[in-house]
Protein backbone atom coordinates (compact mmCIF):
# COMPACT_ATOMS: atom_id res chain seq x y z
CA MET A 1 128.42 130.25 23.61
CA ARG A 2 131.92 130.78 24.99
CA ASN A 3 132.90 127.14 24.37
CA ASN A 4 132.33 127.45 20.62
CA PRO A 5 135.63 128.48 18.98
CA THR A 6 133.89 129.42 15.73
CA LEU A 7 132.06 132.29 17.47
CA ASP A 8 133.48 135.50 18.87
CA ALA A 9 131.86 134.89 22.27
CA VAL A 10 134.77 135.42 24.68
CA SER A 11 136.01 138.60 26.36
CA HIS A 12 139.58 138.66 24.92
CA LEU A 13 140.66 140.28 28.20
CA SER A 14 143.28 137.80 29.37
CA PRO A 15 146.32 139.55 27.81
CA TYR A 16 145.24 142.88 29.32
CA LEU A 17 144.79 141.28 32.72
CA HIS A 18 148.19 139.61 32.39
CA PHE A 19 150.01 142.86 31.67
CA GLY A 20 148.06 144.82 34.29
CA GLN A 21 146.35 147.09 31.79
CA ILE A 22 142.94 146.53 33.35
CA SER A 23 141.85 145.49 36.83
CA PRO A 24 139.74 142.38 37.47
CA LEU A 25 137.85 144.47 40.04
CA GLN A 26 136.97 147.04 37.38
CA ILE A 27 135.81 144.27 35.04
CA GLY A 28 133.75 142.65 37.78
CA LEU A 29 132.03 145.90 38.74
CA LEU A 30 131.16 146.65 35.12
CA ALA A 31 129.82 143.14 34.58
CA ALA A 32 127.73 143.39 37.76
CA GLY A 33 125.83 146.25 36.20
CA THR A 34 124.59 144.20 33.26
CA ASP A 35 121.78 141.69 32.84
CA ASN A 36 123.75 139.54 30.39
CA PRO A 37 122.78 135.85 30.71
CA GLY A 38 126.46 134.90 30.81
CA ARG A 39 127.19 137.12 33.80
CA GLU A 40 127.32 134.38 36.45
CA VAL A 41 129.65 132.21 34.38
CA PHE A 42 131.83 135.24 33.71
CA PHE A 43 132.08 135.92 37.45
CA GLU A 44 133.05 132.28 38.01
CA GLU A 45 135.99 132.74 35.64
CA ILE A 46 137.13 136.25 36.53
CA LEU A 47 136.89 135.70 40.30
CA VAL A 48 136.78 132.05 41.37
CA ARG A 49 138.94 130.46 38.68
CA ARG A 50 141.40 133.33 38.68
CA GLU A 51 141.81 133.12 42.46
CA LEU A 52 142.32 129.36 42.23
CA SER A 53 145.16 129.96 39.77
CA LEU A 54 146.75 132.62 41.97
CA ASN A 55 146.53 130.35 45.01
CA PHE A 56 148.01 127.47 43.02
CA VAL A 57 151.19 129.32 42.07
CA HIS A 58 151.49 131.07 45.46
CA TYR A 59 151.18 127.99 47.67
CA ASN A 60 152.65 125.29 45.42
CA PRO A 61 156.38 125.83 44.76
CA ALA A 62 156.20 123.14 42.04
CA TYR A 63 153.48 124.96 40.08
CA ASP A 64 155.52 124.92 36.86
CA VAL A 65 156.73 121.31 36.87
CA PHE A 66 155.04 117.94 36.48
CA GLU A 67 155.65 117.03 40.12
CA GLY A 68 153.33 119.82 41.20
CA LEU A 69 150.25 117.91 40.03
CA PRO A 70 147.87 116.37 42.61
CA PRO A 71 148.93 112.96 43.99
CA TRP A 72 146.05 111.07 42.35
CA ALA A 73 147.04 112.42 38.92
CA LEU A 74 150.73 111.61 39.42
CA LYS A 75 149.82 108.07 40.49
CA THR A 76 147.50 107.30 37.59
CA LEU A 77 149.75 108.86 34.94
CA ALA A 78 152.71 106.87 36.29
CA ALA A 79 150.65 103.67 36.14
CA HIS A 80 149.92 104.34 32.44
CA ALA A 81 153.28 105.82 31.44
CA ALA A 82 154.21 102.70 29.45
CA ASP A 83 150.90 102.45 27.59
CA PRO A 84 151.20 102.42 23.79
CA ARG A 85 150.52 105.85 22.33
CA PRO A 86 148.25 106.18 19.26
CA ALA A 87 150.88 108.54 17.79
CA LEU A 88 154.20 110.02 18.88
CA TYR A 89 155.50 113.41 17.80
CA SER A 90 158.72 115.24 18.56
CA ARG A 91 158.63 118.70 20.10
CA THR A 92 159.71 120.13 16.75
CA GLU A 93 156.84 118.41 14.93
CA LEU A 94 154.35 119.64 17.51
CA GLU A 95 155.67 123.19 17.42
CA GLY A 96 155.34 123.20 13.64
CA ALA A 97 151.74 121.88 13.83
CA ARG A 98 152.71 118.77 11.86
CA THR A 99 150.39 116.13 13.30
CA HIS A 100 147.67 113.96 11.77
CA ASP A 101 144.96 115.95 13.61
CA PRO A 102 143.69 119.03 11.70
CA TYR A 103 141.94 120.41 14.80
CA TRP A 104 145.05 120.25 16.95
CA ASN A 105 147.15 121.74 14.15
CA ALA A 106 144.66 124.60 13.83
CA ALA A 107 144.83 125.30 17.57
CA GLN A 108 148.63 125.34 17.51
CA ASN A 109 148.65 127.64 14.49
CA GLU A 110 146.06 129.96 16.03
CA MET A 111 148.36 130.36 19.01
CA ARG A 112 151.47 130.93 16.90
CA ILE A 113 149.76 133.45 14.62
CA THR A 114 147.70 135.46 17.09
CA GLY A 115 149.29 134.88 20.49
CA LYS A 116 145.98 133.47 21.71
CA MET A 117 144.11 130.19 21.56
CA HIS A 118 140.44 129.71 22.28
CA GLY A 119 140.08 128.33 25.81
CA TYR A 120 138.15 125.23 24.80
CA MET A 121 140.73 124.36 22.17
CA ARG A 122 143.54 124.93 24.65
CA MET A 123 142.10 122.13 26.78
CA TYR A 124 141.99 119.77 23.80
CA TRP A 125 145.47 120.92 22.73
CA GLY A 126 147.00 120.06 26.11
CA LYS A 127 145.26 116.70 26.34
CA LYS A 128 146.58 115.63 22.96
CA ILE A 129 150.14 116.63 23.82
CA LEU A 130 149.84 114.22 26.75
CA GLU A 131 148.50 111.51 24.45
CA TRP A 132 151.23 111.96 21.81
CA SER A 133 154.34 112.31 24.00
CA HIS A 134 156.70 109.57 25.17
CA THR A 135 156.12 110.38 28.84
CA PRO A 136 153.71 112.58 30.79
CA GLN A 137 156.68 114.54 32.11
CA GLU A 138 157.78 115.34 28.57
CA ALA A 139 154.22 116.29 27.65
CA PHE A 140 153.92 118.71 30.59
CA ALA A 141 157.19 120.43 29.75
CA THR A 142 156.21 120.73 26.07
CA ALA A 143 152.76 122.14 26.75
CA LEU A 144 153.99 124.68 29.30
CA GLY A 145 156.93 125.63 27.08
CA PHE A 146 154.67 126.40 24.11
CA ASN A 147 152.17 128.23 26.30
CA ASN A 148 154.88 130.45 27.78
CA LYS A 149 156.53 131.06 24.41
CA TYR A 150 153.53 131.93 22.27
CA GLU A 151 150.60 133.00 24.43
CA LEU A 152 150.26 136.71 25.18
CA ASP A 153 148.96 135.65 28.60
CA GLY A 154 151.65 133.02 29.09
CA ARG A 155 153.94 133.07 32.14
CA ASP A 156 150.82 133.83 34.16
CA PRO A 157 149.06 132.02 37.03
CA ASN A 158 146.12 131.26 34.74
CA GLY A 159 148.47 129.76 32.17
CA PHE A 160 150.27 127.57 34.71
CA ALA A 161 146.97 126.38 36.15
CA GLY A 162 145.46 125.88 32.70
CA VAL A 163 148.27 123.60 31.57
CA ALA A 164 148.18 121.73 34.88
CA TRP A 165 144.41 121.26 34.46
CA CYS A 166 145.06 119.24 31.31
CA PHE A 167 146.99 116.81 33.55
CA GLY A 168 144.41 116.64 36.36
CA LYS A 169 144.84 119.79 38.48
CA HIS A 170 141.54 121.32 39.71
CA ASP A 171 139.70 118.33 38.24
CA ARG A 172 138.53 114.96 39.53
CA PRO A 173 139.33 111.37 38.54
CA TRP A 174 137.33 110.04 35.58
CA GLY A 175 137.02 106.56 34.04
CA GLN A 176 140.15 104.57 33.24
CA ARG A 177 141.55 105.11 29.74
CA PRO A 178 144.85 104.17 28.10
CA VAL A 179 147.63 106.76 28.53
CA PHE A 180 145.38 109.08 30.59
CA GLY A 181 144.49 106.66 33.35
CA LEU A 182 141.93 108.51 35.48
CA VAL A 183 142.77 111.93 34.00
CA ARG A 184 140.00 113.38 31.84
CA SER A 185 140.55 112.85 28.11
CA MET A 186 139.16 114.69 25.08
CA THR A 187 138.58 113.44 21.54
CA ASP A 188 138.17 114.93 18.10
CA GLY A 189 134.73 113.35 17.95
CA GLY A 190 133.79 115.37 21.02
CA LEU A 191 134.82 118.56 19.25
CA ARG A 192 132.66 117.74 16.22
CA ARG A 193 129.65 117.02 18.43
CA LYS A 194 129.92 120.36 20.22
CA PHE A 195 130.62 122.77 17.35
CA ASP A 196 131.65 123.06 13.70
CA ALA A 197 135.22 121.86 14.21
CA ASP A 198 135.96 121.93 10.49
CA GLY A 199 134.73 125.51 10.40
CA TYR A 200 137.26 126.31 13.13
CA VAL A 201 140.01 124.84 10.96
CA ARG A 202 138.89 126.98 8.02
CA ASN A 203 138.90 130.10 10.19
CA VAL A 204 142.49 129.48 11.28
CA GLU A 205 143.55 128.70 7.72
CA ALA A 206 142.10 132.05 6.69
CA LEU A 207 144.20 133.72 9.37
CA ALA A 208 147.31 131.91 8.16
CA THR A 209 146.80 133.04 4.56
CA GLY A 210 145.89 136.60 5.44
CA ARG A 211 142.29 136.30 4.22
CA SER A 212 140.76 137.16 7.60
């Protein structure tokens, strides 16, 4: 259930890992002693995905800039850089969560209010910044800038890799689409099919008004 942002089904450990307050080895050993059905997926994230992120920033000196993306992603995004965008927003408008998309606005506000954003929504959030920016380079800088500014686990290998994933890192080419080219896209309709997206918006609104 970890991909449902309306449920409290994630570990909330990333800030503590970022600041070194708990060891991934300790977490892994504790998880190994359980029979939780999510154990294997948890190991995939705490070990495999985390190591991929660490390797990314260690071996790629361009880990925090657009040019550090894989060649296929750079090529396809360049080929679609001049595509018409469905909407364009300035960095100020995005930072203030002033877009036409209530789900994206909720994700941005969740991050600003709590210092965290649900992982599934962070993927959608990054994809939409790409879709609504003048250039993919501008989109990358905006997404990483917000992530580093607001996320408690920002300025971290997982954060750098997570933003880069939205632009094709650690992913594969998909079908051709405007703006994205072969980079995977995400839609608001996809959110609504997977979970109660409007319920997520209401939860964040409750946080914003102090009702939660």
